[in-house]
């Protein structure tokens, strides 16, 4: 067999294959035997019918077609190996000839990874984002604590902003009551705009036992009826006054494990600071990688872009389905449409594929290795980001055959680590501060407990790893609500 390769562009080649007549005749003979087993001809045992009778029954080209379908993929595989080609998509095959006497000749347009010489990964300079915590932020968290530990007592008076009311609510659209929107004995804070803003205006001044109706639009995100005019039927069951606890040491002992308000404030400040630093680490890591990728232009194979875009759209559709909405409903609520969204996702897919190609090349250049516990740690990362157990993630990886992709993720992460390690970061928190906040191991403490990941614990799902019901990972970890004693 003879092969040759012609480069069409940086990511596409034309592979030409010529196969000698002897091998083509063998392919015809195999095809004839297989067809003879499948066709029943009177007077002949299965598999013994002569070729000329098979051709009369099936048509002159049937054997040639069967021989070509059975053998072409083998010839193509051999040619790829002979030319050391690693295709990234199905080829476009053109069979020029396939004959027992003349042999065969075919061409295949093959998309391949571009050859990349990774740029120098040192010398990148960035500035760490501002991470100082001001007193207003601490006070806001203290106010949230006061709200959580407020006492609520029923009162016999008209409702005011800030009160809690117990109410029944029914929603009517086009003369039909929406059963899934009806609630009874719901505790509602006046002024929270938790249903529609107009409800707060209507509730103020009402007393227990009052009923009223008002017109407003349903929130845009409401399934099926989002944005439609609706009639709201409300009955006030009772009015409750909320009394906030004093901002003193008693609040500290009630709401936390601390004895004094100053200790509580210090813990809140450290918690906010740790979160801000983690967010900054995640942000700065992205900036460094972005600066590195800007050092090189890479031809991006469109098949990889299309595969990435398809995966993104599938995940988006699955998330919309979780909320009982169509993709169009979600996009409409966000003020956009499918065409605009897909165009934006295509750009992101192209950037993602470029990053993957360049980081793969850098990992190979740096001869990045796989440590014994790397796979376990990566599975744990995915388990965290998808709120699953490591065993569940491992099972999904096994079922989907995603292990090579997971290994690729690890290699790229290590390449990023190498870039970040060589970058100059101005204004970054000191090691002493990181250790004090529990964001870095103390080398003198002898503690084997791993510190929180430098990027804030936000692990993107591995390309190809589809976790059922997966939402996109958040960009800041937990809720902004302060939990006493937790960094």
Protein backbone atom coordinates (compact mmCIF):
# COMPACT_ATOMS: atom_id res chain seq x y z
CA UNK A 1 0.00 0.00 0.00
CA UNK A 2 1.28 3.46 -0.92
CA UNK A 3 0.37 6.62 0.99
CA UNK A 4 1.13 10.32 0.65
CA UNK A 5 0.05 13.45 2.50
CA UNK A 6 -0.59 16.95 1.19
CA UNK A 7 -1.08 19.82 3.64
CA UNK A 8 -4.15 21.89 2.75
CA UNK A 9 -3.98 24.30 5.72
CA UNK A 10 -2.57 24.22 9.27
CA UNK A 11 -5.36 21.94 10.50
CA UNK A 12 -6.27 19.94 7.40
CA UNK A 13 -4.41 17.47 5.19
CA UNK A 14 -5.23 15.38 2.13
CA UNK A 15 -4.29 11.74 2.54
CA UNK A 16 -3.94 9.71 -0.67
CA UNK A 17 -3.98 5.91 -0.45
CA UNK A 18 -3.24 3.33 -3.18
CA UNK A 19 -3.94 -0.36 -2.48
CA UNK A 20 -2.48 -3.17 -4.63
CA UNK A 21 -4.85 -5.43 -6.68
CA UNK A 22 -3.99 -8.52 -4.61
CA UNK A 23 -5.48 -7.03 -1.44
CA UNK A 24 -8.54 -5.78 -3.28
CA UNK A 25 -9.17 -9.28 -4.70
CA UNK A 26 -8.94 -10.66 -1.16
CA UNK A 27 -11.54 -8.11 -0.08
CA UNK A 28 -13.83 -9.21 -2.93
CA UNK A 29 -13.41 -12.87 -1.95
CA UNK A 30 -14.31 -12.13 1.71
CA UNK A 31 -17.33 -10.12 0.66
CA UNK A 32 -18.48 -12.93 -1.64
CA UNK A 33 -18.29 -15.51 1.15
CA UNK A 34 -20.23 -13.29 3.58
CA UNK A 35 -22.97 -12.51 1.04
CA UNK A 36 -23.27 -16.18 0.09
CA UNK A 37 -24.10 -16.95 3.76
CA UNK A 38 -26.87 -14.39 3.75
CA UNK A 39 -28.54 -15.23 0.40
CA UNK A 40 -30.54 -18.45 -0.09
CA UNK A 41 -30.34 -19.86 -3.62
CA UNK A 42 -32.21 -23.07 -4.53
CA UNK A 43 -29.86 -26.00 -4.98
CA UNK A 44 -26.99 -24.53 -3.00
CA UNK A 45 -26.13 -24.87 0.66
CA UNK A 46 -25.68 -21.60 2.65
CA UNK A 47 -22.33 -20.04 1.76
CA UNK A 48 -21.78 -22.22 -1.33
CA UNK A 49 -23.56 -20.20 -4.04
CA UNK A 50 -21.18 -19.22 -6.88
CA UNK A 51 -20.25 -15.58 -7.33
CA UNK A 52 -21.92 -15.16 -10.77
CA UNK A 53 -25.29 -16.27 -9.35
CA UNK A 54 -24.91 -13.91 -6.39
CA UNK A 55 -24.24 -11.04 -8.80
CA UNK A 56 -27.31 -12.02 -10.83
CA UNK A 57 -29.44 -12.00 -7.66
CA UNK A 58 -27.95 -8.93 -5.93
CA UNK A 59 -26.71 -6.84 -8.83
CA UNK A 60 -23.32 -6.48 -10.42
CA UNK A 61 -21.99 -3.88 -8.00
CA UNK A 62 -23.22 -5.49 -4.77
CA UNK A 63 -20.06 -7.47 -4.11
CA UNK A 64 -17.81 -4.52 -4.92
CA UNK A 65 -19.84 -2.30 -2.57
CA UNK A 66 -19.69 -4.86 0.22
CA UNK A 67 -15.95 -5.35 -0.26
CA UNK A 68 -15.32 -1.62 -0.16
CA UNK A 69 -17.44 -1.04 2.96
CA UNK A 70 -15.77 -3.92 4.76
CA UNK A 71 -12.15 -3.04 3.95
CA UNK A 72 -11.91 0.72 3.41
CA UNK A 73 -11.74 1.58 7.12
CA UNK A 74 -8.86 -0.91 7.54
CA UNK A 75 -6.91 0.66 4.68
CA UNK A 76 -7.61 4.13 6.12
CA UNK A 77 -6.38 3.09 9.58
CA UNK A 78 -3.18 1.63 8.16
CA UNK A 79 -2.57 4.80 6.16
CA UNK A 80 -3.00 6.99 9.25
CA UNK A 81 -0.47 4.88 11.12
CA UNK A 82 1.96 4.92 8.21
CA UNK A 83 1.84 8.73 8.03
CA UNK A 84 1.68 9.25 11.83
CA UNK A 85 -1.57 11.19 11.55
CA UNK A 86 -3.97 11.68 14.47
CA UNK A 87 -7.32 12.87 13.06
CA UNK A 88 -9.70 14.81 15.29
CA UNK A 89 -12.83 14.31 13.18
CA UNK A 90 -14.35 11.93 10.66
CA UNK A 91 -12.66 12.21 7.23
CA UNK A 92 -14.19 13.25 3.93
CA UNK A 93 -13.44 10.18 1.77
CA UNK A 94 -13.47 10.12 -2.04
CA UNK A 95 -13.01 6.67 -3.66
CA UNK A 96 -11.51 7.14 -7.11
CA UNK A 97 -11.26 3.44 -7.98
CA UNK A 98 -11.87 0.04 -6.36
CA UNK A 99 -11.18 -2.79 -8.78
CA UNK A 100 -9.80 -6.31 -8.51
CA UNK A 101 -7.54 -5.87 -11.54
CA UNK A 102 -6.47 -2.26 -11.09
CA UNK A 103 -6.42 -2.05 -7.29
CA UNK A 104 -7.90 0.85 -5.33
CA UNK A 105 -7.17 4.53 -4.91
CA UNK A 106 -8.94 6.91 -2.54
CA UNK A 107 -8.33 10.24 -0.85
CA UNK A 108 -9.36 11.42 2.61
CA UNK A 109 -9.53 15.03 3.75
CA UNK A 110 -8.48 14.79 7.40
CA UNK A 111 -8.67 17.45 10.10
CA UNK A 112 -5.71 17.27 12.49
CA UNK A 113 -4.36 19.15 15.45
CA UNK A 114 -2.14 22.09 14.48
CA UNK A 115 1.54 21.88 15.27
CA UNK A 116 2.13 24.38 18.07
CA UNK A 117 5.38 25.71 19.47
CA UNK A 118 4.26 27.00 22.88
CA UNK A 119 5.45 30.52 23.70
CA UNK A 120 7.62 31.38 26.69
CA UNK A 121 5.48 31.01 29.82
CA UNK A 122 7.59 33.26 32.05
CA UNK A 123 7.59 36.99 32.68
CA UNK A 124 3.85 37.68 32.83
CA UNK A 125 3.03 40.58 35.16
CA UNK A 126 -0.40 41.25 36.69
CA UNK A 127 -1.91 43.09 39.65
CA UNK A 128 -3.90 41.28 42.32
CA UNK A 129 -7.45 42.66 42.65
CA UNK A 130 -8.28 44.87 45.61
CA UNK A 131 -9.30 42.59 48.46
CA UNK A 132 -9.57 44.91 51.43
CA UNK A 133 -12.73 44.63 53.55
CA UNK A 134 -14.32 47.86 54.78
CA UNK A 135 -16.47 48.29 57.87
CA UNK A 136 -19.65 48.77 55.84
CA UNK A 137 -19.35 45.19 54.62
CA UNK A 138 -18.89 43.93 58.18
CA UNK A 139 -21.89 45.96 59.32
CA UNK A 140 -23.98 44.52 56.48
CA UNK A 141 -23.20 40.99 57.64
CA UNK A 142 -24.00 41.92 61.24
CA UNK A 143 -27.33 43.32 60.08
CA UNK A 144 -28.04 40.02 58.31
CA UNK A 145 -27.37 38.19 61.56
CA UNK A 146 -29.74 40.50 63.40
CA UNK A 147 -32.41 39.76 60.79
CA UNK A 148 -31.89 36.02 61.19
CA UNK A 149 -32.25 36.18 64.97
CA UNK A 150 -35.06 38.71 65.05
CA UNK A 151 -38.13 38.05 67.19
CA UNK A 152 -41.47 38.12 65.34
CA UNK A 153 -44.64 38.81 67.34
CA UNK A 154 -48.20 39.02 66.09
CA UNK A 155 -49.74 42.51 66.42
CA UNK A 156 -53.22 43.92 65.97
CA UNK A 157 -52.58 46.86 63.66
CA UNK A 158 -52.11 47.74 60.01
CA UNK A 159 -49.11 46.28 58.18
CA UNK A 160 -46.04 48.45 57.68
CA UNK A 161 -42.90 48.08 55.59
CA UNK A 162 -40.57 45.66 57.42
CA UNK A 163 -43.41 43.69 59.02
CA UNK A 164 -44.07 40.02 58.34
CA UNK A 165 -47.56 39.02 57.20
CA UNK A 166 -49.11 35.60 56.78
CA UNK A 167 -51.09 35.49 53.55
CA UNK A 168 -52.89 33.32 51.03
CA UNK A 169 -52.21 34.06 47.36
CA UNK A 170 -53.85 33.01 44.12
CA UNK A 171 -52.73 34.08 40.63
CA UNK A 172 -55.10 34.34 37.68
CA UNK A 173 -53.98 34.58 34.04
CA UNK A 174 -56.50 34.92 31.19
CA UNK A 175 -59.31 33.93 33.54
CA UNK A 176 -57.53 30.75 34.71
CA UNK A 177 -56.18 30.21 38.23
CA UNK A 178 -52.58 28.95 38.14
CA UNK A 179 -52.61 26.02 40.55
CA UNK A 180 -48.83 25.83 40.83
CA UNK A 181 -48.67 29.51 41.86
CA UNK A 182 -51.19 29.27 44.71
CA UNK A 183 -49.85 29.43 48.28
CA UNK A 184 -51.48 29.30 51.69
CA UNK A 185 -50.21 30.56 55.06
CA UNK A 186 -47.07 31.96 53.45
CA UNK A 187 -44.94 34.23 55.64
CA UNK A 188 -44.04 37.32 53.63
CA UNK A 189 -41.85 40.30 54.50
CA UNK A 190 -43.44 43.59 53.48
CA UNK A 191 -41.02 45.53 51.28
CA UNK A 192 -39.05 42.52 50.01
CA UNK A 193 -40.59 42.60 46.49
CA UNK A 194 -40.68 38.82 46.76
CA UNK A 195 -43.77 38.34 44.56
CA UNK A 196 -44.17 41.54 42.54
CA UNK A 197 -43.20 45.06 43.69
CA UNK A 198 -46.82 46.16 43.60
CA UNK A 199 -47.76 43.64 46.31
CA UNK A 200 -45.77 45.62 48.89
CA UNK A 201 -47.68 48.80 48.09
CA UNK A 202 -50.99 46.95 48.40
CA UNK A 203 -50.17 45.19 51.69
CA UNK A 204 -49.14 48.36 53.54
CA UNK A 205 -52.13 49.56 55.54
CA UNK A 206 -53.97 46.21 55.51
CA UNK A 207 -54.97 44.33 58.65
CA UNK A 208 -55.58 40.67 59.54
CA UNK A 209 -58.67 39.44 57.70
CA UNK A 210 -58.38 41.93 54.82
CA UNK A 211 -58.60 40.62 51.28
CA UNK A 212 -57.78 42.46 48.08
CA UNK A 213 -57.06 42.04 44.39
CA UNK A 214 -54.50 43.83 42.24
CA UNK A 215 -53.23 43.71 38.65
CA UNK A 216 -49.56 43.27 37.76
CA UNK A 217 -47.26 41.34 35.43
CA UNK A 218 -45.76 37.99 36.37
CA UNK A 219 -41.95 37.94 36.65
CA UNK A 220 -40.24 37.27 33.31
CA UNK A 221 -38.66 34.07 34.62
CA UNK A 222 -42.01 32.52 35.56
CA UNK A 223 -42.52 29.27 33.56
CA UNK A 224 -44.82 29.60 30.53
CA UNK A 225 -46.55 32.79 31.71
CA UNK A 226 -43.52 35.00 32.41
CA UNK A 227 -44.21 38.67 31.67
CA UNK A 228 -47.96 38.17 31.17
CA UNK A 229 -50.57 40.40 32.87
CA UNK A 230 -52.09 38.65 35.88
CA UNK A 231 -54.63 39.20 38.62
CA UNK A 232 -53.39 38.55 42.14
CA UNK A 233 -55.92 37.59 44.85
CA UNK A 234 -54.53 38.10 48.37
CA UNK A 235 -55.90 37.42 51.86
CA UNK A 236 -54.02 38.71 54.94
CA UNK A 237 -54.15 36.17 57.80
CA UNK A 238 -52.12 38.10 60.39
CA UNK A 239 -49.58 40.91 60.83
CA UNK A 240 -46.34 40.34 62.72
CA UNK A 241 -43.84 42.89 63.96
CA UNK A 242 -40.17 42.10 63.72
CA UNK A 243 -37.87 43.15 66.58
CA UNK A 244 -34.15 43.03 65.88
CA UNK A 245 -31.77 42.04 68.71
CA UNK A 246 -29.34 44.65 70.00
CA UNK A 247 -25.87 44.74 68.51
CA UNK A 248 -23.99 43.59 71.59
CA UNK A 249 -22.19 40.67 73.20
CA UNK A 250 -25.49 38.85 73.72
CA UNK A 251 -25.95 38.71 69.95
CA UNK A 252 -22.45 37.25 69.60
CA UNK A 253 -23.16 34.45 72.08
CA UNK A 254 -26.58 33.75 70.55
CA UNK A 255 -25.55 33.82 66.89
CA UNK A 256 -22.04 32.34 67.11
CA UNK A 257 -19.47 30.55 69.23
CA UNK A 258 -17.89 33.85 70.25
CA UNK A 259 -18.28 35.57 73.60
CA UNK A 260 -17.96 39.18 72.50
CA UNK A 261 -19.18 41.34 69.66
CA UNK A 262 -15.59 42.32 68.81
CA UNK A 263 -14.61 38.66 68.39
CA UNK A 264 -17.62 38.14 66.15
CA UNK A 265 -16.71 41.18 64.07
CA UNK A 266 -13.14 39.93 63.68
CA UNK A 267 -14.38 36.56 62.49
CA UNK A 268 -16.75 38.20 60.00
CA UNK A 269 -13.93 40.40 58.73
CA UNK A 270 -11.61 37.40 58.30
CA UNK A 271 -14.35 35.39 56.59
CA UNK A 272 -15.04 38.19 54.10
CA UNK A 273 -11.31 38.72 53.55
CA UNK A 274 -10.70 35.01 52.91
CA UNK A 275 -13.54 34.93 50.38
CA UNK A 276 -12.28 38.09 48.68
CA UNK A 277 -8.77 36.64 48.41
CA UNK A 278 -10.07 33.35 47.02
CA UNK A 279 -12.06 35.24 44.41
CA UNK A 280 -8.96 37.28 43.61
CA UNK A 281 -6.85 34.14 43.25
CA UNK A 282 -9.40 32.71 40.85
CA UNK A 283 -9.57 35.98 38.90
CA UNK A 284 -5.81 36.48 38.74
CA UNK A 285 -5.29 32.92 37.57
CA UNK A 286 -7.62 33.61 34.66
CA UNK A 287 -5.84 36.87 33.85
CA UNK A 288 -2.46 35.16 33.78
CA UNK A 289 -3.68 32.41 31.45
CA UNK A 290 -5.37 34.99 29.22
CA UNK A 291 -2.14 36.99 29.01
CA UNK A 292 -0.21 33.83 28.12
CA UNK A 293 -2.65 32.77 25.40
CA UNK A 294 -2.45 36.27 23.90
CA UNK A 295 1.20 35.57 23.08
CA UNK A 296 0.31 33.19 20.25
CA UNK A 297 -2.19 32.86 17.41
CA UNK A 298 -3.42 29.33 16.82
CA UNK A 299 -5.46 27.92 13.92
CA UNK A 300 -8.47 26.30 15.55
CA UNK A 301 -9.97 23.11 14.03
CA UNK A 302 -13.65 23.79 13.38
CA UNK A 303 -14.65 20.24 14.26
CA UNK A 304 -13.35 20.80 17.80
CA UNK A 305 -15.22 24.10 18.00
CA UNK A 306 -18.45 22.46 16.82
CA UNK A 307 -18.09 19.64 19.35
CA UNK A 308 -17.46 22.13 22.17
CA UNK A 309 -20.40 24.29 21.07
CA UNK A 310 -22.69 21.26 20.91
CA UNK A 311 -21.72 20.27 24.45
CA UNK A 312 -22.37 23.79 25.74
CA UNK A 313 -25.81 23.91 24.13
CA UNK A 314 -26.73 20.45 25.44
CA UNK A 315 -25.84 21.49 28.99
CA UNK A 316 -27.80 24.72 28.63
CA UNK A 317 -30.86 22.85 27.36
CA UNK A 318 -30.60 20.36 30.23
CA UNK A 319 -30.47 23.19 32.76
CA UNK A 320 -33.49 24.89 31.20
CA UNK A 321 -35.37 21.59 31.32
CA UNK A 322 -34.60 21.27 35.04
CA UNK A 323 -36.57 24.45 35.62
CA UNK A 324 -39.42 23.33 33.37
CA UNK A 325 -38.54 25.89 30.71
CA UNK A 326 -37.52 25.83 27.08
CA UNK A 327 -34.26 27.37 25.89
CA UNK A 328 -36.26 30.09 24.16
CA UNK A 329 -38.08 30.92 27.44
CA UNK A 330 -34.80 31.27 29.34
CA UNK A 331 -33.17 33.38 26.63
CA UNK A 332 -36.24 35.59 26.33
CA UNK A 333 -36.17 36.18 30.09
CA UNK A 334 -32.52 37.23 29.72
CA UNK A 335 -33.38 39.61 26.88
CA UNK A 336 -31.68 37.68 24.11
CA UNK A 337 -32.40 34.98 21.52
CA UNK A 338 -30.93 31.65 20.40
CA UNK A 339 -28.98 33.12 17.46
CA UNK A 340 -27.26 35.72 19.63
CA UNK A 341 -26.62 33.22 22.42
CA UNK A 342 -25.14 30.62 20.06
CA UNK A 343 -22.89 33.26 18.46
CA UNK A 344 -21.56 34.20 21.91
CA UNK A 345 -21.11 30.54 22.86
CA UNK A 346 -19.26 29.88 19.59
CA UNK A 347 -16.73 32.61 20.46
CA UNK A 348 -16.27 31.10 23.89
CA UNK A 349 -15.92 27.63 22.36
CA UNK A 350 -13.21 28.90 20.00
CA UNK A 351 -11.35 30.49 22.92
CA UNK A 352 -11.70 27.28 24.93
CA UNK A 353 -10.36 25.10 22.12
CA UNK A 354 -7.42 27.46 21.59
CA UNK A 355 -6.62 27.30 25.31
CA UNK A 356 -6.80 23.53 25.27
CA UNK A 357 -4.45 23.22 22.28
CA UNK A 358 -1.87 25.67 23.62
CA UNK A 359 -1.90 24.27 27.16
CA UNK A 360 -1.59 20.72 25.80
CA UNK A 361 1.45 21.82 23.83
CA UNK A 362 2.96 23.54 26.87
CA UNK A 363 2.33 20.48 29.07
CA UNK A 364 4.14 18.33 26.52
CA UNK A 365 6.97 20.85 26.24
CA UNK A 366 7.38 20.96 30.04
CA UNK A 367 7.07 17.16 30.22
CA UNK A 368 4.34 17.43 32.83
CA UNK A 369 3.84 14.14 34.65
CA UNK A 370 0.92 12.47 36.35
CA UNK A 371 1.36 11.95 40.10
CA UNK A 372 -0.22 8.93 41.84
CA UNK A 373 -2.94 10.97 43.59
CA UNK A 374 -3.71 13.38 40.74
CA UNK A 375 -6.70 11.41 39.48
CA UNK A 376 -8.18 11.12 42.95
CA UNK A 377 -7.83 14.86 43.54
CA UNK A 378 -9.40 15.71 40.18
CA UNK A 379 -12.36 13.43 40.86
CA UNK A 380 -12.81 15.13 44.25
CA UNK A 381 -12.79 18.53 42.51
CA UNK A 382 -15.55 17.44 40.14
CA UNK A 383 -17.51 15.91 43.01
CA UNK A 384 -17.39 19.22 44.89
CA UNK A 385 -18.42 21.35 41.92
CA UNK A 386 -21.33 19.04 41.05
CA UNK A 387 -22.44 18.30 44.63
CA UNK A 388 -21.86 14.59 44.17
CA UNK A 389 -19.82 11.92 45.90
CA UNK A 390 -16.43 10.97 44.43
CA UNK A 391 -17.78 7.45 43.88
CA UNK A 392 -20.62 8.80 41.74
CA UNK A 393 -18.24 10.89 39.63
CA UNK A 394 -15.88 7.93 39.21
CA UNK A 395 -18.81 5.80 38.02
CA UNK A 396 -19.81 8.42 35.45
CA UNK A 397 -16.23 8.64 34.19
CA UNK A 398 -16.16 4.85 33.81
CA UNK A 399 -19.51 4.72 32.01
CA UNK A 400 -18.65 7.56 29.62
CA UNK A 401 -15.07 6.49 28.99
CA UNK A 402 -13.96 9.99 30.03
CA UNK A 403 -10.69 9.02 31.72
CA UNK A 404 -8.43 10.31 28.87
CA UNK A 405 -10.27 13.63 28.97
CA UNK A 406 -9.85 13.79 32.74
CA UNK A 407 -6.13 13.16 32.39
CA UNK A 408 -5.99 15.93 29.79
CA UNK A 409 -7.64 18.25 32.30
CA UNK A 410 -4.99 17.42 34.89
CA UNK A 411 -2.16 18.04 32.45
CA UNK A 412 -3.61 21.40 31.40
CA UNK A 413 -4.15 22.39 35.05
CA UNK A 414 -0.50 21.62 35.77
CA UNK A 415 0.55 23.68 32.75
CA UNK A 416 -1.48 26.58 34.15
CA UNK A 417 0.19 26.07 37.54
CA UNK A 418 3.56 26.41 35.83
CA UNK A 419 2.53 29.68 34.15
CA UNK A 420 1.11 31.10 37.38
CA UNK A 421 4.22 30.09 39.34
CA UNK A 422 6.42 32.13 36.99
CA UNK A 423 4.15 35.21 36.92
CA UNK A 424 4.86 38.40 38.85
CA UNK A 425 1.79 39.36 40.90
CA UNK A 426 1.81 42.81 42.46
CA UNK A 427 -0.31 43.44 45.54
CA UNK A 428 -0.90 39.77 46.38
CA UNK A 429 -1.55 38.76 50.01
CA UNK A 430 1.48 37.52 51.89
CA UNK A 431 2.07 33.88 52.76
CA UNK A 432 1.68 34.78 56.44
CA UNK A 433 -1.77 36.26 55.76
CA UNK A 434 -2.81 33.23 53.71
CA UNK A 435 -1.70 30.88 56.48
CA UNK A 436 -3.54 32.94 59.10
CA UNK A 437 -6.76 32.80 57.05
CA UNK A 438 -6.43 29.04 56.46
CA UNK A 439 -5.83 29.46 52.71
CA UNK A 440 -2.33 28.02 52.74
CA UNK A 441 -0.58 25.27 54.65
CA UNK A 442 1.82 26.29 57.36
CA UNK A 443 5.08 24.51 56.42
CA UNK A 444 6.15 24.56 60.08
CA UNK A 445 2.90 23.14 61.45
CA UNK A 446 3.40 19.57 60.25
CA UNK A 447 -0.25 19.42 59.17
CA UNK A 448 -0.97 17.24 56.17
CA UNK A 449 -4.35 18.84 55.59
CA UNK A 450 -4.44 20.35 52.11
CA UNK A 451 -5.20 24.05 51.86
CA UNK A 452 -8.12 25.26 49.79
CA UNK A 453 -7.42 25.26 46.05
CA UNK A 454 -5.74 28.45 44.90
CA UNK A 455 -8.54 29.21 42.45
CA UNK A 456 -11.25 29.11 45.11
CA UNK A 457 -12.29 25.51 44.56
CA UNK A 458 -14.10 26.25 41.27
CA UNK A 459 -13.58 23.22 39.05
CA UNK A 460 -14.98 23.29 35.55
CA UNK A 461 -16.39 19.94 34.49
CA UNK A 462 -13.98 18.05 32.25
CA UNK A 463 -14.73 18.35 28.53
CA UNK A 464 -16.82 15.31 27.71
CA UNK A 465 -17.73 14.62 31.34
CA UNK A 466 -21.48 15.13 31.39
CA UNK A 467 -22.83 14.98 34.92
CA UNK A 468 -26.61 14.44 34.91
CA UNK A 469 -28.41 17.50 36.22
CA UNK A 470 -25.22 19.51 36.34
CA UNK A 471 -25.41 23.29 36.73
CA UNK A 472 -22.61 25.54 35.78
CA UNK A 473 -20.23 25.92 38.77
CA UNK A 474 -20.52 29.27 40.53
CA UNK A 475 -17.77 31.85 40.40
CA UNK A 476 -17.46 32.64 44.07
CA UNK A 477 -18.01 29.54 46.15
CA UNK A 478 -20.72 29.70 48.78
CA UNK A 479 -23.50 32.24 49.31
CA UNK A 480 -22.53 35.71 50.49
CA UNK A 481 -24.46 35.04 53.73
CA UNK A 482 -21.99 34.97 56.60
CA UNK A 483 -21.90 31.81 58.69
CA UNK A 484 -20.25 32.41 62.07
CA UNK A 485 -17.00 30.57 62.64
CA UNK A 486 -16.56 29.60 58.99
CA UNK A 487 -13.87 31.03 56.73
